[in-house]
Amino acid sequence: MIFWLIGGGRGRPWGARRSCTRGHRYPVEVISHCVWLYHPFPPSFREVEELTLERSVTVSYETVRRWCGKFGQQYADALRRRQHRPGDKWHLDDVFIKINGEQRYQWRAVDQDGNVLDILVQNRRHKAAATRFFRRLMKKTGAVPRVVVTDKLRSYGAAHREAMPSVEHRSHKGPNNRAENSHQPARQREHAMKGFHSTGAAQRIVSVFSGISPHLRSRRHLTPATDYRAEMTVRFAIWDQITGVAGLSTTA
């Protein structure tokens, strides 16, 4: 079956080529575009289905769900591998989330530039949970920070003394706004989904979302329009490279 894709995303026409991924009948541009629609913005799977239907592409919301589950983590990991080495000042914070009516905690770490270092969903926020997050963070980044900034939760201090005693620890409410503000995009996704249904699903979703969304949602409040457009052009080119769309123009 051939799908004629009219007026593709981001001002670039979609072609009628087959996906280079074996076993998928849709072109790779369609898969890439659906995953792109779902993660930086807060639509549901059904809304992504409607957006693609407007472009004369018939894709069910269940297919979009499977694509996001299958390819989302691959794309997020590829984007993380392209990131620069994290900064030496880390901001840590945790927020309450509801999973099937039960209270859980989402731990998040960002560096001084706002780059997400790691996210972990846990059942508790005591010393053991904080220590687990500290050690996981250092293992995943392969780095040790110069300064760690947290709020005044006592678990952070106890975990700091055990996991990274040589690192300076600043415990203040105000200076940790960077970590607290970084929760907002994930909160938008949580509200769009009407909550998470399990701890494992929440971990997978926020992990993929935190890897893809920052790349496609550049901070532009202090950036001139021309610089912002140039930056997004580069980011879209990287997105096309990791999703396999860029290679199609040379092989078609």
C-alpha atoms as a PDB file:
ATOM      1  CA  MET A   1       0.000   0.000   0.000  1.00  0.00           C
ATOM      2  CA  ILE A   2       1.323   3.442  -0.931  1.00  0.00           C
ATOM      3  CA  PHE A   3       0.490   6.447   1.233  1.00  0.00           C
ATOM      4  CA  TRP A   4       0.748   9.869  -0.399  1.00  0.00           C
ATOM      5  CA  LEU A   5       1.786  12.230   2.350  1.00  0.00           C
ATOM      6  CA  ILE A   6       0.666  15.767   1.720  1.00  0.00           C
ATOM      7  CA  GLY A   7       2.447  18.760   3.197  1.00  0.00           C
ATOM      8  CA  GLY A   8       4.681  17.053   5.728  1.00  0.00           C
ATOM      9  CA  GLY A   9       5.889  18.392   9.049  1.00  0.00           C
ATOM     10  CA  ARG A  10       8.198  21.344   9.610  1.00  0.00           C
ATOM     11  CA  GLY A  11       7.755  22.679   6.071  1.00  0.00           C
ATOM     12  CA  ARG A  12       9.290  19.601   4.404  1.00  0.00           C
ATOM     13  CA  PRO A  13       7.238  17.345   2.081  1.00  0.00           C
ATOM     14  CA  TRP A  14       6.951  13.709   3.036  1.00  0.00           C
ATOM     15  CA  GLY A  15       7.886  11.162   0.391  1.00  0.00           C
ATOM     16  CA  ALA A  16       6.066   7.937  -0.433  1.00  0.00           C
ATOM     17  CA  ARG A  17       9.044   5.746   0.436  1.00  0.00           C
ATOM     18  CA  ARG A  18       8.925   2.611   2.488  1.00  0.00           C
ATOM     19  CA  SER A  19      10.457   2.451   5.943  1.00  0.00           C
ATOM     20  CA  CYS A  20      13.980   1.084   6.077  1.00  0.00           C
ATOM     21  CA  THR A  21      12.940  -0.697   9.286  1.00  0.00           C
ATOM     22  CA  ARG A  22      12.034  -4.272   8.430  1.00  0.00           C
ATOM     23  CA  GLY A  23       8.507  -5.333   9.261  1.00  0.00           C
ATOM     24  CA  HIS A  24       6.987  -1.849   9.147  1.00  0.00           C
ATOM     25  CA  ARG A  25       4.792  -0.937   6.197  1.00  0.00           C
ATOM     26  CA  TYR A  26       4.794   2.799   6.932  1.00  0.00           C
ATOM     27  CA  PRO A  27       7.610   5.052   5.712  1.00  0.00           C
ATOM     28  CA  VAL A  28      10.195   5.958   8.304  1.00  0.00           C
ATOM     29  CA  GLU A  29       9.193   9.622   7.930  1.00  0.00           C
ATOM     30  CA  VAL A  30       5.721   8.804   9.282  1.00  0.00           C
ATOM     31  CA  ILE A  31       7.093   6.917  12.286  1.00  0.00           C
ATOM     32  CA  SER A  32       9.594   9.676  13.043  1.00  0.00           C
ATOM     33  CA  HIS A  33       6.966  12.378  12.703  1.00  0.00           C
ATOM     34  CA  CYS A  34       4.445  10.632  14.989  1.00  0.00           C
ATOM     35  CA  VAL A  35       7.063  10.134  17.708  1.00  0.00           C
ATOM     36  CA  TRP A  36       8.098  13.763  17.221  1.00  0.00           C
ATOM     37  CA  LEU A  37       4.501  14.964  17.628  1.00  0.00           C
ATOM     38  CA  TYR A  38       3.911  13.002  20.813  1.00  0.00           C
ATOM     39  CA  HIS A  39       6.946  13.891  22.897  1.00  0.00           C
ATOM     40  CA  PRO A  40       7.714  17.634  22.773  1.00  0.00           C
ATOM     41  CA  PHE A  41       4.013  18.533  22.841  1.00  0.00           C
ATOM     42  CA  PRO A  42       1.276  17.227  25.167  1.00  0.00           C
ATOM     43  CA  PRO A  43      -1.155  15.526  22.734  1.00  0.00           C
ATOM     44  CA  SER A  44      -2.670  12.114  23.348  1.00  0.00           C
ATOM     45  CA  PHE A  45      -2.200   9.162  21.003  1.00  0.00           C
ATOM     46  CA  ARG A  46      -5.671   9.785  19.589  1.00  0.00           C
ATOM     47  CA  GLU A  47      -4.803  13.410  18.894  1.00  0.00           C
ATOM     48  CA  VAL A  48      -1.652  12.340  17.042  1.00  0.00           C
ATOM     49  CA  GLU A  49      -3.885  10.021  15.003  1.00  0.00           C
ATOM     50  CA  GLU A  50      -6.107  12.985  14.095  1.00  0.00           C
ATOM     51  CA  LEU A  51      -3.132  15.188  13.193  1.00  0.00           C
ATOM     52  CA  THR A  52      -1.770  12.567  10.812  1.00  0.00           C
ATOM     53  CA  LEU A  53      -5.221  11.945   9.344  1.00  0.00           C
ATOM     54  CA  GLU A  54      -5.404  15.646   8.442  1.00  0.00           C
ATOM     55  CA  ARG A  55      -2.365  14.961   6.238  1.00  0.00           C
ATOM     56  CA  SER A  56      -4.115  12.013   4.531  1.00  0.00           C
ATOM     57  CA  VAL A  57      -2.203   9.386   6.514  1.00  0.00           C
ATOM     58  CA  THR A  58      -4.337   6.711   8.178  1.00  0.00           C
ATOM     59  CA  VAL A  59      -2.578   5.553  11.366  1.00  0.00           C
ATOM     60  CA  SER A  60      -4.431   4.220  14.398  1.00  0.00           C
ATOM     61  CA  TYR A  61      -3.652   5.542  17.856  1.00  0.00           C
ATOM     62  CA  GLU A  62      -2.631   2.015  18.932  1.00  0.00           C
ATOM     63  CA  THR A  63      -0.017   1.993  16.175  1.00  0.00           C
ATOM     64  CA  VAL A  64       1.284   5.349  17.395  1.00  0.00           C
ATOM     65  CA  ARG A  65       1.425   3.918  20.929  1.00  0.00           C
ATOM     66  CA  ARG A  66       3.507   0.957  19.733  1.00  0.00           C
ATOM     67  CA  TRP A  67       5.847   3.208  17.763  1.00  0.00           C
ATOM     68  CA  CYS A  68       6.452   5.452  20.774  1.00  0.00           C
ATOM     69  CA  GLY A  69       7.079   2.417  22.967  1.00  0.00           C
ATOM     70  CA  LYS A  70       9.381   0.697  20.480  1.00  0.00           C
ATOM     71  CA  PHE A  71      11.344   3.594  19.003  1.00  0.00           C
ATOM     72  CA  GLY A  72      11.040   6.305  21.665  1.00  0.00           C
ATOM     73  CA  GLN A  73      13.702   4.844  23.945  1.00  0.00           C
ATOM     74  CA  GLN A  74      16.068   4.265  21.005  1.00  0.00           C
ATOM     75  CA  TYR A  75      15.715   7.868  19.893  1.00  0.00           C
ATOM     76  CA  ALA A  76      16.128   9.175  23.457  1.00  0.00           C
ATOM     77  CA  ASP A  77      19.305   7.107  23.991  1.00  0.00           C
ATOM     78  CA  ALA A  78      20.748   8.306  20.683  1.00  0.00           C
ATOM     79  CA  LEU A  79      20.107  11.933  21.638  1.00  0.00           C
ATOM     80  CA  ARG A  80      21.721  11.438  25.061  1.00  0.00           C
ATOM     81  CA  ARG A  81      24.856  10.018  23.446  1.00  0.00           C
ATOM     82  CA  ARG A  82      25.194  13.270  21.514  1.00  0.00           C
ATOM     83  CA  GLN A  83      25.025  15.428  24.626  1.00  0.00           C
ATOM     84  CA  HIS A  84      28.084  17.196  25.932  1.00  0.00           C
ATOM     85  CA  ARG A  85      29.703  16.199  29.196  1.00  0.00           C
ATOM     86  CA  PRO A  86      27.462  17.341  32.071  1.00  0.00           C
ATOM     87  CA  GLY A  87      28.332  20.426  34.058  1.00  0.00           C
ATOM     88  CA  ASP A  88      29.977  20.219  37.459  1.00  0.00           C
ATOM     89  CA  LYS A  89      27.051  21.737  39.375  1.00  0.00           C
ATOM     90  CA  TRP A  90      24.079  19.422  39.836  1.00  0.00           C
ATOM     91  CA  HIS A  91      20.607  20.362  41.037  1.00  0.00           C
ATOM     92  CA  LEU A  92      18.518  17.566  42.575  1.00  0.00           C
ATOM     93  CA  ASP A  93      14.848  17.564  43.443  1.00  0.00           C
ATOM     94  CA  ASP A  94      11.914  15.205  43.947  1.00  0.00           C
ATOM     95  CA  VAL A  95       8.186  15.651  43.436  1.00  0.00           C
ATOM     96  CA  PHE A  96       5.110  13.690  44.442  1.00  0.00           C
ATOM     97  CA  ILE A  97       3.283  11.740  41.742  1.00  0.00           C
ATOM     98  CA  LYS A  98       0.158   9.599  41.967  1.00  0.00           C
ATOM     99  CA  ILE A  99       0.212   6.095  40.476  1.00  0.00           C
ATOM    100  CA  ASN A 100      -3.083   4.232  40.761  1.00  0.00           C
ATOM    101  CA  GLY A 101      -4.008   6.431  43.676  1.00  0.00           C
ATOM    102  CA  GLU A 102      -0.789   5.700  45.585  1.00  0.00           C
ATOM    103  CA  GLN A 103       1.868   8.312  46.305  1.00  0.00           C
ATOM    104  CA  ARG A 104       5.244   7.847  44.641  1.00  0.00           C
ATOM    105  CA  TYR A 105       8.272  10.106  44.151  1.00  0.00           C
ATOM    106  CA  GLN A 106       9.979  11.235  40.981  1.00  0.00           C
ATOM    107  CA  TRP A 107      13.647  12.117  41.545  1.00  0.00           C
ATOM    108  CA  ARG A 108      15.300  14.369  38.985  1.00  0.00           C
ATOM    109  CA  ALA A 109      18.787  15.794  38.471  1.00  0.00           C
ATOM    110  CA  VAL A 110      19.849  18.587  36.102  1.00  0.00           C
ATOM    111  CA  ASP A 111      23.117  20.439  35.663  1.00  0.00           C
ATOM    112  CA  GLN A 112      23.637  24.207  35.797  1.00  0.00           C
ATOM    113  CA  ASP A 113      22.644  24.514  32.125  1.00  0.00           C
ATOM    114  CA  GLY A 114      19.310  22.776  32.671  1.00  0.00           C
ATOM    115  CA  ASN A 115      20.303  19.527  30.936  1.00  0.00           C
ATOM    116  CA  VAL A 116      18.499  16.533  32.424  1.00  0.00           C
ATOM    117  CA  LEU A 117      21.000  14.058  33.870  1.00  0.00           C
ATOM    118  CA  ASP A 118      18.675  11.358  35.148  1.00  0.00           C
ATOM    119  CA  ILE A 119      15.140  10.647  36.401  1.00  0.00           C
ATOM    120  CA  LEU A 120      14.158   7.875  38.799  1.00  0.00           C
ATOM    121  CA  VAL A 121      10.699   6.940  40.105  1.00  0.00           C
ATOM    122  CA  GLN A 122      10.821   5.425  43.603  1.00  0.00           C
ATOM    123  CA  ASN A 123       8.370   4.417  46.307  1.00  0.00           C
ATOM    124  CA  ARG A 124      10.069   6.315  49.129  1.00  0.00           C
ATOM    125  CA  ARG A 125      12.078   9.467  49.734  1.00  0.00           C
ATOM    126  CA  HIS A 126      14.215   8.321  52.677  1.00  0.00           C
ATOM    127  CA  LYS A 127      17.997   8.007  52.946  1.00  0.00           C
ATOM    128  CA  ALA A 128      18.225   4.701  51.071  1.00  0.00           C
ATOM    129  CA  ALA A 129      16.218   6.098  48.148  1.00  0.00           C
ATOM    130  CA  ALA A 130      18.355   9.243  47.985  1.00  0.00           C
ATOM    131  CA  THR A 131      21.579   7.206  48.181  1.00  0.00           C
ATOM    132  CA  ARG A 132      20.365   4.931  45.389  1.00  0.00           C
ATOM    133  CA  PHE A 133      19.658   7.945  43.210  1.00  0.00           C
ATOM    134  CA  PHE A 134      23.064   9.531  43.939  1.00  0.00           C
ATOM    135  CA  ARG A 135      24.956   6.372  43.014  1.00  0.00           C
ATOM    136  CA  ARG A 136      22.849   5.723  39.937  1.00  0.00           C
ATOM    137  CA  LEU A 137      23.444   9.308  38.833  1.00  0.00           C
ATOM    138  CA  MET A 138      27.234   9.079  39.105  1.00  0.00           C
ATOM    139  CA  LYS A 139      27.289   5.689  37.362  1.00  0.00           C
ATOM    140  CA  LYS A 140      25.098   6.879  34.498  1.00  0.00           C
ATOM    141  CA  THR A 141      26.987  10.117  33.862  1.00  0.00           C
ATOM    142  CA  GLY A 142      30.425   8.701  34.625  1.00  0.00           C
ATOM    143  CA  ALA A 143      31.234  11.922  36.474  1.00  0.00           C
ATOM    144  CA  VAL A 144      31.417  13.378  39.965  1.00  0.00           C
ATOM    145  CA  PRO A 145      30.106  16.927  40.446  1.00  0.00           C
ATOM    146  CA  ARG A 146      31.856  19.816  42.111  1.00  0.00           C
ATOM    147  CA  VAL A 147      28.671  21.023  43.847  1.00  0.00           C
ATOM    148  CA  VAL A 148      25.323  19.396  44.582  1.00  0.00           C
ATOM    149  CA  VAL A 149      22.348  21.686  45.261  1.00  0.00           C
ATOM    150  CA  THR A 150      19.231  20.278  46.937  1.00  0.00           C
ATOM    151  CA  ASP A 151      16.331  21.467  49.015  1.00  0.00           C
ATOM    152  CA  LYS A 152      16.297  20.961  52.782  1.00  0.00           C
ATOM    153  CA  LEU A 153      15.083  17.366  52.801  1.00  0.00           C
ATOM    154  CA  ARG A 154      17.275  15.602  55.396  1.00  0.00           C
ATOM    155  CA  SER A 155      17.578  12.480  53.255  1.00  0.00           C
ATOM    156  CA  TYR A 156      19.774  14.401  50.829  1.00  0.00           C
ATOM    157  CA  GLY A 157      22.273  15.292  53.532  1.00  0.00           C
ATOM    158  CA  ALA A 158      22.490  11.726  54.835  1.00  0.00           C
ATOM    159  CA  ALA A 159      22.843  10.284  51.339  1.00  0.00           C
ATOM    160  CA  HIS A 160      25.445  12.899  50.420  1.00  0.00           C
ATOM    161  CA  ARG A 161      27.634  11.966  53.369  1.00  0.00           C
ATOM    162  CA  GLU A 162      27.483   8.301  52.354  1.00  0.00           C
ATOM    163  CA  ALA A 163      27.622   8.408  48.538  1.00  0.00           C
ATOM    164  CA  MET A 164      29.731  11.504  47.737  1.00  0.00           C
ATOM    165  CA  PRO A 165      31.278  12.957  50.916  1.00  0.00           C
ATOM    166  CA  SER A 166      34.003  14.867  49.042  1.00  0.00           C
ATOM    167  CA  VAL A 167      31.446  16.900  47.029  1.00  0.00           C
ATOM    168  CA  GLU A 168      30.231  20.263  48.282  1.00  0.00           C
ATOM    169  CA  HIS A 169      26.572  20.136  49.304  1.00  0.00           C
ATOM    170  CA  ARG A 170      24.383  23.252  49.296  1.00  0.00           C
ATOM    171  CA  SER A 171      21.005  22.794  50.928  1.00  0.00           C
ATOM    172  CA  HIS A 172      18.773  25.766  50.130  1.00  0.00           C
ATOM    173  CA  LYS A 173      15.278  26.230  48.795  1.00  0.00           C
ATOM    174  CA  GLY A 174      15.860  29.214  46.501  1.00  0.00           C
ATOM    175  CA  PRO A 175      18.966  28.146  44.510  1.00  0.00           C
ATOM    176  CA  ASN A 176      17.286  24.858  43.575  1.00  0.00           C
ATOM    177  CA  ASN A 177      14.638  26.463  41.374  1.00  0.00           C
ATOM    178  CA  ARG A 178      16.349  25.114  38.242  1.00  0.00           C
ATOM    179  CA  ALA A 179      15.606  21.506  39.245  1.00  0.00           C
ATOM    180  CA  GLU A 180      12.093  22.343  40.401  1.00  0.00           C
ATOM    181  CA  ASN A 181      11.236  24.106  37.132  1.00  0.00           C
ATOM    182  CA  SER A 182      12.528  21.182  35.066  1.00  0.00           C
ATOM    183  CA  HIS A 183       9.605  19.083  36.329  1.00  0.00           C
ATOM    184  CA  GLN A 184       7.063  21.187  34.438  1.00  0.00           C
ATOM    185  CA  PRO A 185       7.242  19.507  30.975  1.00  0.00           C
ATOM    186  CA  ALA A 186       6.939  16.048  32.558  1.00  0.00           C
ATOM    187  CA  ARG A 187       3.962  17.296  34.573  1.00  0.00           C
ATOM    188  CA  GLN A 188       2.298  18.352  31.314  1.00  0.00           C
ATOM    189  CA  ARG A 189       2.738  14.836  29.948  1.00  0.00           C
ATOM    190  CA  GLU A 190       1.381  13.321  33.177  1.00  0.00           C
ATOM    191  CA  HIS A 191      -1.735  15.520  33.050  1.00  0.00           C
ATOM    192  CA  ALA A 192      -2.288  14.744  29.354  1.00  0.00           C
ATOM    193  CA  MET A 193      -2.200  11.022  30.179  1.00  0.00           C
ATOM    194  CA  LYS A 194      -4.499  11.529  33.201  1.00  0.00           C
ATOM    195  CA  GLY A 195      -1.875  10.011  35.446  1.00  0.00           C
ATOM    196  CA  PHE A 196       0.424   6.987  35.291  1.00  0.00           C
ATOM    197  CA  HIS A 197      -0.824   3.434  35.730  1.00  0.00           C
ATOM    198  CA  SER A 198       2.276   1.720  37.143  1.00  0.00           C
ATOM    199  CA  THR A 199       5.722   2.566  38.472  1.00  0.00           C
ATOM    200  CA  GLY A 200       7.440   0.793  35.587  1.00  0.00           C
ATOM    201  CA  ALA A 201       5.350   2.616  32.994  1.00  0.00           C
ATOM    202  CA  ALA A 202       6.009   5.945  34.698  1.00  0.00           C
ATOM    203  CA  GLN A 203       9.768   5.279  34.672  1.00  0.00           C
ATOM    204  CA  ARG A 204       9.757   4.372  30.978  1.00  0.00           C
ATOM    205  CA  ILE A 205       7.631   7.349  29.969  1.00  0.00           C
ATOM    206  CA  VAL A 206       9.571  10.012  31.879  1.00  0.00           C
ATOM    207  CA  SER A 207      12.886   8.504  30.749  1.00  0.00           C
ATOM    208  CA  VAL A 208      11.930   8.735  27.071  1.00  0.00           C
ATOM    209  CA  PHE A 209      10.204  12.087  27.479  1.00  0.00           C
ATOM    210  CA  SER A 210      13.185  13.665  29.260  1.00  0.00           C
ATOM    211  CA  GLY A 211      15.497  12.453  26.496  1.00  0.00           C
ATOM    212  CA  ILE A 212      13.454  13.687  23.527  1.00  0.00           C
ATOM    213  CA  SER A 213      11.491  16.710  24.742  1.00  0.00           C
ATOM    214  CA  PRO A 214      14.454  18.962  25.734  1.00  0.00           C
ATOM    215  CA  HIS A 215      16.034  18.413  22.318  1.00  0.00           C
ATOM    216  CA  LEU A 216      12.875  19.484  20.478  1.00  0.00           C
ATOM    217  CA  ARG A 217      11.848  22.261  22.888  1.00  0.00           C
ATOM    218  CA  SER A 218      14.684  24.725  22.947  1.00  0.00           C
ATOM    219  CA  ARG A 219      14.630  27.411  25.639  1.00  0.00           C
ATOM    220  CA  ARG A 220      13.900  30.550  23.643  1.00  0.00           C
ATOM    221  CA  HIS A 221      12.818  33.198  26.162  1.00  0.00           C
ATOM    222  CA  LEU A 222      16.120  35.083  25.805  1.00  0.00           C
ATOM    223  CA  THR A 223      16.992  33.970  22.246  1.00  0.00           C
ATOM    224  CA  PRO A 224      16.409  36.202  19.187  1.00  0.00           C
ATOM    225  CA  ALA A 225      14.058  34.704  16.614  1.00  0.00           C
ATOM    226  CA  THR A 226      16.773  34.274  13.975  1.00  0.00           C
ATOM    227  CA  ASP A 227      19.085  32.465  16.399  1.00  0.00           C
ATOM    228  CA  TYR A 228      16.213  30.288  17.609  1.00  0.00           C
ATOM    229  CA  ARG A 229      15.289  29.235  14.068  1.00  0.00           C
ATOM    230  CA  ALA A 230      18.905  28.441  13.252  1.00  0.00           C
ATOM    231  CA  GLU A 231      19.226  26.369  16.425  1.00  0.00           C
ATOM    232  CA  MET A 232      16.021  24.439  15.695  1.00  0.00           C
ATOM    233  CA  THR A 233      17.183  23.772  12.125  1.00  0.00           C
ATOM    234  CA  VAL A 234      20.270  22.068  13.541  1.00  0.00           C
ATOM    235  CA  ARG A 235      18.188  20.120  16.047  1.00  0.00           C
ATOM    236  CA  PHE A 236      15.767  18.930  13.377  1.00  0.00           C
ATOM    237  CA  ALA A 237      18.716  17.784  11.269  1.00  0.00           C
ATOM    238  CA  ILE A 238      20.036  15.766  14.235  1.00  0.00           C
ATOM    239  CA  TRP A 239      16.565  14.310  14.769  1.00  0.00           C
ATOM    240  CA  ASP A 240      16.436  13.220  11.112  1.00  0.00           C
ATOM    241  CA  GLN A 241      19.846  11.591  11.488  1.00  0.00           C
ATOM    242  CA  ILE A 242      19.008   9.510  14.556  1.00  0.00           C
ATOM    243  CA  THR A 243      15.603   8.444  13.208  1.00  0.00           C
ATOM    244  CA  GLY A 244      16.993   7.431   9.802  1.00  0.00           C
ATOM    245  CA  VAL A 245      15.088  10.019   7.755  1.00  0.00           C
ATOM    246  CA  ALA A 246      18.250  11.858   6.673  1.00  0.00           C
ATOM    247  CA  GLY A 247      19.736   8.782   5.012  1.00  0.00           C
ATOM    248  CA  LEU A 248      16.727   8.265   2.752  1.00  0.00           C
ATOM    249  CA  SER A 249      17.420  11.301   0.565  1.00  0.00           C
ATOM    250  CA  THR A 250      20.779   9.867  -0.461  1.00  0.00           C
ATOM    251  CA  THR A 251      19.505   6.344  -1.175  1.00  0.00           C
ATOM    252  CA  ALA A 252      16.190   7.206  -2.847  1.00  0.00           C
END
